Every structure is written in C-alpha cells, then in structure tokens.
Amino acid sequence: MNKRTITLAAVLATAFAFSGPARAAKFANQFTEFELPPQWGCNLEGAEWICQNANDAKKRDAIIVLAAKLKGDQDSLDQYLAYLKAPKTYTSIQGKPVKSEPKYTKSVSLNGQPWVDSLHLESEIPGYFTRYLATIKQDIGVLVTYSINKAKYQQYLQDFDNMVKTLKVFRKQGAGINAGPAQGNIFQQTQIPQNMSESTVFPGGVNPAGGSDAVTKKKEDNSLLIILLVAGAGIGFIIWRKRKSG
C-alpha cells in the first residue's frame, strides 16, 4: 500500500467516524437517570424537569416531563394502575372537551424496579400520545412521561423505547430533592404543557392542532406575494405585446 493510498484510507476513516449516528447522552437528576435521545437536553422548569430536542424545529415533536413528590395516601402502584386505566377528561385551551383514549396500562419491571406503564392518546395534549411511567421509591413517588405528536409517533418510538430500557430510579439519602408535597396525586400535580402557544417549552406560537400560527401566517403572506408578482408579470407582458404589435 503506497503513501497516497494510506492517506486516502485515513481520510475516509475520519469521515465515517464523524458521519456516524449521534450518540445518546445520559441524563441524571436527584431521583432518576436514563439515556436521552440524541441531541436532547433537559432543564428544570418550575417543579418539573423538561427534556426536548435541542433543534428548535423539532421541539414541538415530542417532550419528556419528569416529576417527583413526597409519598402520600394516594401514592401506591395499585392506585397508579387504577388511575391510568381510566380515560382522562379535560377542557382544551380552545375550550373544547377532550377525553383520552387509553391504549394499555400494565405493571412492568425496569432494571429491577416495578413501574406502572401506560399509553394514552390525547390525555395531556390534543393530537399527542403520552406514555406514563410511575413508581414508588422509598418516600417519594416518581413520574416520567413522554408525549409525541401522533403524526411523528413511529419516528420517535425507537428512541423512547431505548430511553425506557435504561430508566433507573433512586433515592439519595440525606440529599435534598425537588419534590412536590405529599397531598394529592402525582398525575394531577405534574404540569405537562398543554398551552403550546404561550409555553416557553414550545417556541414559535405552536398550535396544538399542528403547525405554528406565525409560520402559517408567513406562508400565507408569501403565497399572496407570489400571486401578486405572477399577476403583475402577466399584465406587464400583455402591455408589452400590445405596444410591440401596435
């Protein structure tokens, strides 16, 4: 193998190394850890941890919300199971009644920890699937949810299944924790952004029915401009032909 061939091989190897798939990053807070999908990050927003894609254009595709609360009378795996088996009803930000469609609710074991695992359609955000994973660890209840636009569900399914496989929960003794009070139930305490048009979590004035109000208006304005330009060009051409023939 000559020097030129070796150099070309090295360049190709470097190119393949940098063009490979993005690696997942591990996220950990005071009570849980798991592998995030590639290019995702998490921030503490009030009482919840919010995780999203770093790409602004993809932020509205899916969202992960993590929360913990001190264990109270309504916190047990059996109560979580019963709560998630039932449809959830609420009023959307447009004032329309919404009733979720439970797809499944079951007990599972993840890395040696028992969890309640449930999938609903439109239980938190209209037009989105939300998967719930809830458990008890010593004196805290833990809830992990991820919501995906139903049109993008298959696209994100593998990433989130990988996240679930790496999900671990713990309770560090003596450590402070960002947890809600013992009263009430963890599902009602946890705030999953439904109002996308005002939420800082979903930038750009996103409409829950899909798309951005700002982007839609911009597209309409651009379409009108194109129509006017085409019409103006057509009128100009007709005037030019008449002058030429006259």
Protein backbone atom coordinates (compact mmCIF):
# COMPACT_ATOMS: atom_id res chain seq x y z
CA MET A 1 0.00 0.00 0.00
CA ASN A 2 1.56 3.30 -1.09
CA LYS A 3 1.56 6.56 0.88
CA ARG A 4 -1.26 8.06 -1.19
CA THR A 5 -3.50 5.03 -0.55
CA ILE A 6 -2.80 5.17 3.20
CA THR A 7 -3.66 8.90 3.31
CA LEU A 8 -6.93 8.33 1.41
CA ALA A 9 -7.87 5.48 3.76
CA ALA A 10 -7.21 7.70 6.79
CA VAL A 11 -9.38 10.49 5.33
CA LEU A 12 -12.23 8.06 4.64
CA ALA A 13 -11.98 6.56 8.13
CA THR A 14 -12.16 10.02 9.69
CA ALA A 15 -15.15 10.94 7.53
CA PHE A 16 -17.02 7.79 8.55
CA ALA A 17 -16.23 8.44 12.22
CA PHE A 18 -17.71 11.93 12.09
CA SER A 19 -20.68 10.99 9.91
CA GLY A 20 -21.84 8.16 12.18
CA PRO A 21 -25.10 8.31 14.14
CA ALA A 22 -25.32 10.75 17.03
CA ARG A 23 -24.79 9.14 20.41
CA ALA A 24 -27.31 9.27 23.20
CA ALA A 25 -26.38 11.19 26.35
CA LYS A 26 -27.12 10.09 29.90
CA PHE A 27 -29.35 12.37 31.96
CA ALA A 28 -29.47 12.16 35.76
CA ASN A 29 -31.17 14.30 38.39
CA GLN A 30 -31.94 13.77 42.09
CA PHE A 31 -34.19 10.76 41.60
CA THR A 32 -33.77 9.19 38.17
CA GLU A 33 -31.43 8.59 35.25
CA PHE A 34 -31.76 7.37 31.68
CA GLU A 35 -30.31 7.78 28.20
CA LEU A 36 -31.73 10.72 26.29
CA PRO A 37 -32.36 10.53 22.55
CA PRO A 38 -29.50 12.08 20.52
CA GLN A 39 -29.33 15.90 20.55
CA TRP A 40 -31.73 16.20 23.50
CA GLY A 41 -31.23 18.17 26.71
CA CYS A 42 -33.12 18.74 29.99
CA ASN A 43 -33.86 21.82 32.10
CA LEU A 44 -35.63 22.39 35.40
CA GLU A 45 -38.86 24.34 34.72
CA GLY A 46 -40.62 25.13 38.00
CA ALA A 47 -41.30 21.83 39.74
CA GLU A 48 -40.66 19.62 36.69
CA TRP A 49 -37.73 18.64 34.56
CA ILE A 50 -38.42 19.26 30.86
CA CYS A 51 -36.43 17.46 28.16
CA GLN A 52 -36.54 18.29 24.46
CA ASN A 53 -34.60 18.19 21.23
CA ALA A 54 -32.02 20.98 21.01
CA ASN A 55 -33.19 21.69 17.45
CA ASP A 56 -35.89 24.38 17.66
CA ALA A 57 -37.63 22.99 14.57
CA LYS A 58 -38.13 19.65 16.36
CA LYS A 59 -39.02 20.88 19.86
CA ARG A 60 -42.76 20.55 19.25
CA ASP A 61 -42.46 16.94 18.01
CA ALA A 62 -42.04 15.43 21.47
CA ILE A 63 -41.38 16.30 25.10
CA ILE A 64 -40.30 14.43 28.25
CA VAL A 65 -41.51 15.62 31.67
CA LEU A 66 -40.11 14.28 34.95
CA ALA A 67 -41.54 14.88 38.41
CA ALA A 68 -41.33 13.59 41.96
CA LYS A 69 -43.47 14.10 45.06
CA LEU A 70 -43.34 13.04 48.65
CA LYS A 71 -45.28 9.84 49.15
CA GLY A 72 -48.83 10.37 50.38
CA ASP A 73 -52.09 8.48 50.77
CA GLN A 74 -52.72 8.44 47.01
CA ASP A 75 -49.31 7.07 46.11
CA SER A 76 -49.12 3.34 45.51
CA LEU A 77 -48.61 1.20 42.42
CA ASP A 78 -52.17 -0.13 42.67
CA GLN A 79 -53.61 3.40 42.76
CA TYR A 80 -51.40 4.48 39.86
CA LEU A 81 -52.60 1.45 37.88
CA ALA A 82 -56.26 2.21 38.55
CA TYR A 83 -55.85 5.90 37.72
CA LEU A 84 -54.16 5.24 34.38
CA LYS A 85 -56.63 2.57 33.29
CA ALA A 86 -59.41 5.15 33.19
CA PRO A 87 -59.81 7.75 30.39
CA LYS A 88 -58.79 11.28 31.32
CA THR A 89 -61.21 14.15 30.59
CA TYR A 90 -60.37 17.84 30.47
CA THR A 91 -61.09 21.04 28.57
CA SER A 92 -58.56 22.06 25.92
CA ILE A 93 -57.18 25.58 25.69
CA GLN A 94 -59.65 26.15 22.85
CA GLY A 95 -62.48 25.38 25.29
CA LYS A 96 -63.32 22.01 23.74
CA PRO A 97 -63.95 18.88 25.86
CA VAL A 98 -61.30 16.19 25.40
CA LYS A 99 -61.47 12.56 26.50
CA SER A 100 -58.30 10.49 26.28
CA GLU A 101 -58.14 7.04 24.74
CA PRO A 102 -56.16 4.58 26.91
CA LYS A 103 -54.16 2.19 24.73
CA TYR A 104 -52.76 0.00 27.52
CA THR A 105 -51.95 0.08 31.23
CA LYS A 106 -49.77 -2.59 32.85
CA SER A 107 -47.22 -3.37 35.55
CA VAL A 108 -43.63 -3.77 34.36
CA SER A 109 -40.15 -4.23 35.82
CA LEU A 110 -37.38 -1.95 34.58
CA ASN A 111 -33.86 -2.60 35.81
CA GLY A 112 -35.20 -4.35 38.90
CA GLN A 113 -37.73 -1.60 39.80
CA PRO A 114 -41.51 -2.12 39.50
CA TRP A 115 -43.31 0.54 37.42
CA VAL A 116 -46.79 1.21 36.11
CA ASP A 117 -46.59 1.73 32.34
CA SER A 118 -49.47 3.28 30.38
CA LEU A 119 -50.08 4.84 26.97
CA HIS A 120 -52.92 7.29 26.22
CA LEU A 121 -53.92 9.30 23.19
CA GLU A 122 -54.76 12.96 23.93
CA SER A 123 -54.55 12.66 27.71
CA GLU A 124 -52.33 15.74 28.09
CA ILE A 125 -52.04 17.48 24.72
CA PRO A 126 -54.60 17.26 21.90
CA GLY A 127 -53.12 15.34 18.97
CA TYR A 128 -50.36 13.75 21.06
CA PHE A 129 -49.69 10.32 22.52
CA THR A 130 -48.45 10.37 26.13
CA ARG A 131 -46.72 7.44 27.79
CA TYR A 132 -46.64 7.37 31.59
CA LEU A 133 -44.15 5.54 33.81
CA ALA A 134 -44.88 5.85 37.52
CA THR A 135 -43.28 4.21 40.55
CA ILE A 136 -42.59 4.48 44.29
CA LYS A 137 -39.06 4.65 45.70
CA GLN A 138 -38.92 4.75 49.49
CA ASP A 139 -40.62 8.03 50.49
CA ILE A 140 -41.17 9.52 47.01
CA GLY A 141 -43.43 8.92 44.04
CA VAL A 142 -41.80 9.36 40.64
CA LEU A 143 -43.46 10.08 37.30
CA VAL A 144 -41.79 10.07 33.89
CA THR A 145 -43.89 10.99 30.85
CA TYR A 146 -43.14 11.48 27.23
CA SER A 147 -45.56 12.98 24.74
CA ILE A 148 -45.20 12.60 20.97
CA ASN A 149 -47.14 14.22 18.15
CA LYS A 150 -49.23 11.34 16.81
CA ALA A 151 -48.06 12.11 13.27
CA LYS A 152 -44.44 11.56 14.44
CA TYR A 153 -45.08 8.62 16.79
CA GLN A 154 -43.35 5.92 14.73
CA GLN A 155 -40.42 8.24 14.03
CA TYR A 156 -39.66 8.67 17.76
CA LEU A 157 -40.76 5.27 19.05
CA GLN A 158 -37.35 3.58 18.98
CA ASP A 159 -35.60 6.48 20.74
CA PHE A 160 -38.13 6.44 23.57
CA ASP A 161 -38.13 2.66 23.89
CA ASN A 162 -34.35 2.88 24.35
CA MET A 163 -34.89 5.55 26.99
CA VAL A 164 -37.28 3.31 28.90
CA LYS A 165 -34.84 0.38 28.82
CA THR A 166 -32.19 2.50 30.55
CA LEU A 167 -34.57 4.09 33.09
CA LYS A 168 -33.44 3.84 36.73
CA VAL A 169 -34.83 5.40 39.88
CA PHE A 170 -33.13 6.04 43.23
CA ARG A 171 -33.45 7.98 46.47
CA LYS A 172 -30.24 9.54 47.72
CA GLN A 173 -30.30 9.57 51.49
CA GLY A 174 -29.80 12.97 53.08
CA ALA A 175 -29.95 14.74 49.73
CA GLY A 176 -32.43 17.50 49.00
CA ILE A 177 -34.90 16.80 46.22
CA ASN A 178 -37.11 18.93 44.02
CA ALA A 179 -40.32 17.16 45.01
CA GLY A 180 -43.97 18.13 45.32
CA PRO A 181 -45.93 17.87 48.58
CA ALA A 182 -47.43 14.62 49.86
CA GLN A 183 -51.01 15.76 49.27
CA GLY A 184 -52.86 14.77 46.13
CA ASN A 185 -51.74 12.57 43.28
CA ILE A 186 -48.63 12.87 41.20
CA PHE A 187 -50.51 12.93 37.89
CA GLN A 188 -52.55 15.97 38.91
CA GLN A 189 -49.52 17.73 40.41
CA THR A 190 -47.34 17.29 37.32
CA GLN A 191 -47.77 20.03 34.73
CA ILE A 192 -47.31 18.86 31.15
CA PRO A 193 -47.50 21.94 28.89
CA GLN A 194 -50.82 21.91 27.05
CA ASN A 195 -50.92 25.58 26.08
CA MET A 196 -48.28 25.47 23.37
CA SER A 197 -48.99 28.96 22.07
CA GLU A 198 -47.84 30.53 25.35
CA SER A 199 -45.45 27.92 26.70
CA THR A 200 -41.73 28.63 26.66
CA VAL A 201 -41.32 24.89 26.16
CA PHE A 202 -42.87 25.02 22.69
CA PRO A 203 -41.41 28.08 20.94
CA GLY A 204 -42.84 29.90 17.96
CA GLY A 205 -46.53 30.03 18.88
CA VAL A 206 -47.32 26.42 18.12
CA ASN A 207 -50.94 25.49 17.52
CA PRO A 208 -51.94 22.23 19.28
CA ALA A 209 -53.71 21.13 16.11
CA GLY A 210 -50.29 21.16 14.44
CA GLY A 211 -48.07 23.85 12.95
CA SER A 212 -47.20 27.35 14.04
CA ASP A 213 -49.55 30.32 13.81
CA ALA A 214 -46.60 32.56 12.99
CA VAL A 215 -45.25 30.18 10.37
CA THR A 216 -48.70 29.69 8.83
CA LYS A 217 -49.23 33.46 8.55
CA LYS A 218 -45.80 33.87 6.99
CA LYS A 219 -46.57 31.17 4.43
CA GLU A 220 -49.89 32.86 3.59
CA ASP A 221 -48.16 36.22 3.16
CA ASN A 222 -45.50 34.66 0.93
CA SER A 223 -48.16 32.92 -1.18
CA LEU A 224 -50.04 36.18 -1.66
CA LEU A 225 -46.81 37.95 -2.66
CA ILE A 226 -46.03 35.25 -5.24
CA ILE A 227 -49.55 35.53 -6.70
CA LEU A 228 -49.23 39.32 -6.98
CA LEU A 229 -45.81 39.05 -8.61
CA VAL A 230 -47.03 36.49 -11.14
CA ALA A 231 -50.13 38.57 -11.91
CA GLY A 232 -48.02 41.73 -12.30
CA ALA A 233 -45.62 39.95 -14.65
CA GLY A 234 -48.56 38.70 -16.74
CA ILE A 235 -50.08 42.17 -17.05
CA GLY A 236 -46.70 43.65 -17.94
CA PHE A 237 -46.21 41.04 -20.67
CA ILE A 238 -49.65 41.79 -22.20
CA ILE A 239 -48.94 45.55 -22.25
CA TRP A 240 -45.54 44.93 -23.88
CA ARG A 241 -47.08 42.71 -26.59
CA LYS A 242 -49.74 45.32 -27.40
CA ARG A 243 -47.16 48.09 -27.69
CA LYS A 244 -44.96 45.91 -29.90
CA SER A 245 -47.82 44.91 -32.20
CA GLY A 246 -49.07 48.50 -32.39
